[in-house]
């Protein structure tokens, strides 16, 4: 199927979930999760997370722009913004099919 893709070359949003199937509203099936040994509830939760990926990627790009352009912060705020930049950069890098230059801290 020929479709317009984003800079990250993924199927354009919005995506939705039906059980363990992730679908593009415009283009149909994006993925179907079927992994031996996983409970249906966990597969459905993973499908919801995957379906949110385009919006999460967009949010990361916006957060990076905001953090880079922020000028009114003290040292404590700077540390928080640097952490936002680092995590967003790693997520965007991963979404673009590259390896993040540093490990991502999951809290």
C-alpha atoms as a PDB file:
ATOM      1  CA  UNK A   1       0.000   0.000   0.000  1.00  0.00           C
ATOM      2  CA  UNK A   2       1.383   3.423  -0.937  1.00  0.00           C
ATOM      3  CA  UNK A   3       0.959   6.105   1.679  1.00  0.00           C
ATOM      4  CA  UNK A   4       2.439   9.389   2.774  1.00  0.00           C
ATOM      5  CA  UNK A   5       4.825   8.944   5.689  1.00  0.00           C
ATOM      6  CA  UNK A   6       6.223  11.268   8.318  1.00  0.00           C
ATOM      7  CA  UNK A   7       9.879  12.199   8.779  1.00  0.00           C
ATOM      8  CA  UNK A   8      10.191   9.025  10.846  1.00  0.00           C
ATOM      9  CA  UNK A   9       8.748   6.988   7.942  1.00  0.00           C
ATOM     10  CA  UNK A  10       5.969   5.480  10.043  1.00  0.00           C
ATOM     11  CA  UNK A  11       2.323   5.162   9.089  1.00  0.00           C
ATOM     12  CA  UNK A  12       0.670   8.519   9.799  1.00  0.00           C
ATOM     13  CA  UNK A  13      -1.479   8.996  12.899  1.00  0.00           C
ATOM     14  CA  UNK A  14      -4.026   8.651  14.281  1.00  0.00           C
ATOM     15  CA  UNK A  15      -3.779   5.008  15.280  1.00  0.00           C
ATOM     16  CA  UNK A  16      -6.410   3.109  17.223  1.00  0.00           C
ATOM     17  CA  UNK A  17      -6.582  -0.204  19.046  1.00  0.00           C
ATOM     18  CA  UNK A  18      -8.990  -3.072  18.790  1.00  0.00           C
ATOM     19  CA  UNK A  19      -7.929  -5.787  21.221  1.00  0.00           C
ATOM     20  CA  UNK A  20      -4.368  -6.634  20.179  1.00  0.00           C
ATOM     21  CA  UNK A  21      -4.544  -5.031  16.739  1.00  0.00           C
ATOM     22  CA  UNK A  22      -3.206  -1.537  16.044  1.00  0.00           C
ATOM     23  CA  UNK A  23      -4.795   0.215  13.068  1.00  0.00           C
ATOM     24  CA  UNK A  24      -4.240   3.466  11.253  1.00  0.00           C
ATOM     25  CA  UNK A  25      -7.553   5.272  10.925  1.00  0.00           C
ATOM     26  CA  UNK A  26      -6.733   6.022   7.285  1.00  0.00           C
ATOM     27  CA  UNK A  27      -4.565   3.067   6.159  1.00  0.00           C
ATOM     28  CA  UNK A  28      -5.720   0.031   8.153  1.00  0.00           C
ATOM     29  CA  UNK A  29      -3.609  -2.492  10.049  1.00  0.00           C
ATOM     30  CA  UNK A  30      -0.300  -1.266  11.450  1.00  0.00           C
ATOM     31  CA  UNK A  31       0.460  -4.264  13.679  1.00  0.00           C
ATOM     32  CA  UNK A  32      -1.066  -7.235  15.435  1.00  0.00           C
ATOM     33  CA  UNK A  33       0.421  -8.444  18.706  1.00  0.00           C
ATOM     34  CA  UNK A  34       0.538 -12.180  19.135  1.00  0.00           C
ATOM     35  CA  UNK A  35       3.292 -13.436  21.402  1.00  0.00           C
ATOM     36  CA  UNK A  36       3.305 -16.909  22.939  1.00  0.00           C
ATOM     37  CA  UNK A  37       3.304 -16.869  26.722  1.00  0.00           C
ATOM     38  CA  UNK A  38       1.870 -13.370  27.130  1.00  0.00           C
ATOM     39  CA  UNK A  39      -1.501 -12.822  28.765  1.00  0.00           C
ATOM     40  CA  UNK A  40      -4.166 -11.134  26.623  1.00  0.00           C
ATOM     41  CA  UNK A  41      -4.407  -8.262  29.135  1.00  0.00           C
ATOM     42  CA  UNK A  42      -0.670  -7.493  28.783  1.00  0.00           C
ATOM     43  CA  UNK A  43      -0.804  -7.718  24.989  1.00  0.00           C
ATOM     44  CA  UNK A  44      -3.734  -5.274  24.932  1.00  0.00           C
ATOM     45  CA  UNK A  45      -1.840  -2.856  27.207  1.00  0.00           C
ATOM     46  CA  UNK A  46       1.193  -3.076  24.909  1.00  0.00           C
ATOM     47  CA  UNK A  47      -1.055  -2.464  21.889  1.00  0.00           C
ATOM     48  CA  UNK A  48      -2.433   0.694  23.526  1.00  0.00           C
ATOM     49  CA  UNK A  49       1.105   1.936  24.183  1.00  0.00           C
ATOM     50  CA  UNK A  50       2.123   1.240  20.586  1.00  0.00           C
ATOM     51  CA  UNK A  51      -0.994   2.992  19.280  1.00  0.00           C
ATOM     52  CA  UNK A  52      -0.048   6.087  21.300  1.00  0.00           C
ATOM     53  CA  UNK A  53       3.437   6.174  19.729  1.00  0.00           C
ATOM     54  CA  UNK A  54       2.752   8.794  17.023  1.00  0.00           C
ATOM     55  CA  UNK A  55       1.274  11.210  19.569  1.00  0.00           C
ATOM     56  CA  UNK A  56       4.062  10.499  22.049  1.00  0.00           C
ATOM     57  CA  UNK A  57       6.652  11.177  19.344  1.00  0.00           C
ATOM     58  CA  UNK A  58       4.954  14.473  18.491  1.00  0.00           C
ATOM     59  CA  UNK A  59       4.848  15.392  22.191  1.00  0.00           C
ATOM     60  CA  UNK A  60       8.568  14.674  22.516  1.00  0.00           C
ATOM     61  CA  UNK A  61       9.345  16.927  19.563  1.00  0.00           C
ATOM     62  CA  UNK A  62       7.256  19.735  21.083  1.00  0.00           C
ATOM     63  CA  UNK A  63       8.804  19.243  24.541  1.00  0.00           C
ATOM     64  CA  UNK A  64      12.295  19.450  23.042  1.00  0.00           C
ATOM     65  CA  UNK A  65      11.472  22.731  21.307  1.00  0.00           C
ATOM     66  CA  UNK A  66      10.029  24.153  24.523  1.00  0.00           C
ATOM     67  CA  UNK A  67      12.964  23.021  26.653  1.00  0.00           C
ATOM     68  CA  UNK A  68      15.533  24.378  24.180  1.00  0.00           C
ATOM     69  CA  UNK A  69      13.798  27.747  24.007  1.00  0.00           C
ATOM     70  CA  UNK A  70      13.266  28.145  27.746  1.00  0.00           C
ATOM     71  CA  UNK A  71      15.376  30.920  29.184  1.00  0.00           C
ATOM     72  CA  UNK A  72      13.753  31.637  32.559  1.00  0.00           C
ATOM     73  CA  UNK A  73      14.927  28.909  34.907  1.00  0.00           C
ATOM     74  CA  UNK A  74      17.153  28.470  37.908  1.00  0.00           C
ATOM     75  CA  UNK A  75      19.708  25.672  38.324  1.00  0.00           C
ATOM     76  CA  UNK A  76      17.066  23.195  39.579  1.00  0.00           C
ATOM     77  CA  UNK A  77      14.830  23.881  36.606  1.00  0.00           C
ATOM     78  CA  UNK A  78      17.744  23.548  34.216  1.00  0.00           C
ATOM     79  CA  UNK A  79      18.431  20.046  35.505  1.00  0.00           C
ATOM     80  CA  UNK A  80      14.790  19.076  34.895  1.00  0.00           C
ATOM     81  CA  UNK A  81      14.812  20.539  31.394  1.00  0.00           C
ATOM     82  CA  UNK A  82      18.069  18.802  30.546  1.00  0.00           C
ATOM     83  CA  UNK A  83      16.500  15.512  31.650  1.00  0.00           C
ATOM     84  CA  UNK A  84      13.454  16.195  29.441  1.00  0.00           C
ATOM     85  CA  UNK A  85      15.733  16.966  26.502  1.00  0.00           C
ATOM     86  CA  UNK A  86      17.779  13.812  27.058  1.00  0.00           C
ATOM     87  CA  UNK A  87      14.776  11.465  27.272  1.00  0.00           C
ATOM     88  CA  UNK A  88      12.965  13.130  24.356  1.00  0.00           C
ATOM     89  CA  UNK A  89      16.081  13.027  22.189  1.00  0.00           C
ATOM     90  CA  UNK A  90      16.551   9.327  22.949  1.00  0.00           C
ATOM     91  CA  UNK A  91      12.897   8.542  22.137  1.00  0.00           C
ATOM     92  CA  UNK A  92      12.982  10.501  18.874  1.00  0.00           C
ATOM     93  CA  UNK A  93      16.290   8.902  17.901  1.00  0.00           C
ATOM     94  CA  UNK A  94      14.852   5.439  18.572  1.00  0.00           C
ATOM     95  CA  UNK A  95      11.647   6.249  16.633  1.00  0.00           C
ATOM     96  CA  UNK A  96      13.785   7.402  13.694  1.00  0.00           C
ATOM     97  CA  UNK A  97      15.458   3.967  13.626  1.00  0.00           C
ATOM     98  CA  UNK A  98      18.758   5.014  15.162  1.00  0.00           C
ATOM     99  CA  UNK A  99      20.407   3.941  18.406  1.00  0.00           C
ATOM    100  CA  UNK A 100      20.175   6.524  21.222  1.00  0.00           C
ATOM    101  CA  UNK A 101      23.636   7.897  22.112  1.00  0.00           C
ATOM    102  CA  UNK A 102      23.038   7.222  25.819  1.00  0.00           C
ATOM    103  CA  UNK A 103      20.913   4.896  27.939  1.00  0.00           C
ATOM    104  CA  UNK A 104      17.356   5.971  28.721  1.00  0.00           C
ATOM    105  CA  UNK A 105      16.387   6.149  32.392  1.00  0.00           C
ATOM    106  CA  UNK A 106      12.945   4.648  32.998  1.00  0.00           C
ATOM    107  CA  UNK A 107      11.360   5.848  36.242  1.00  0.00           C
END
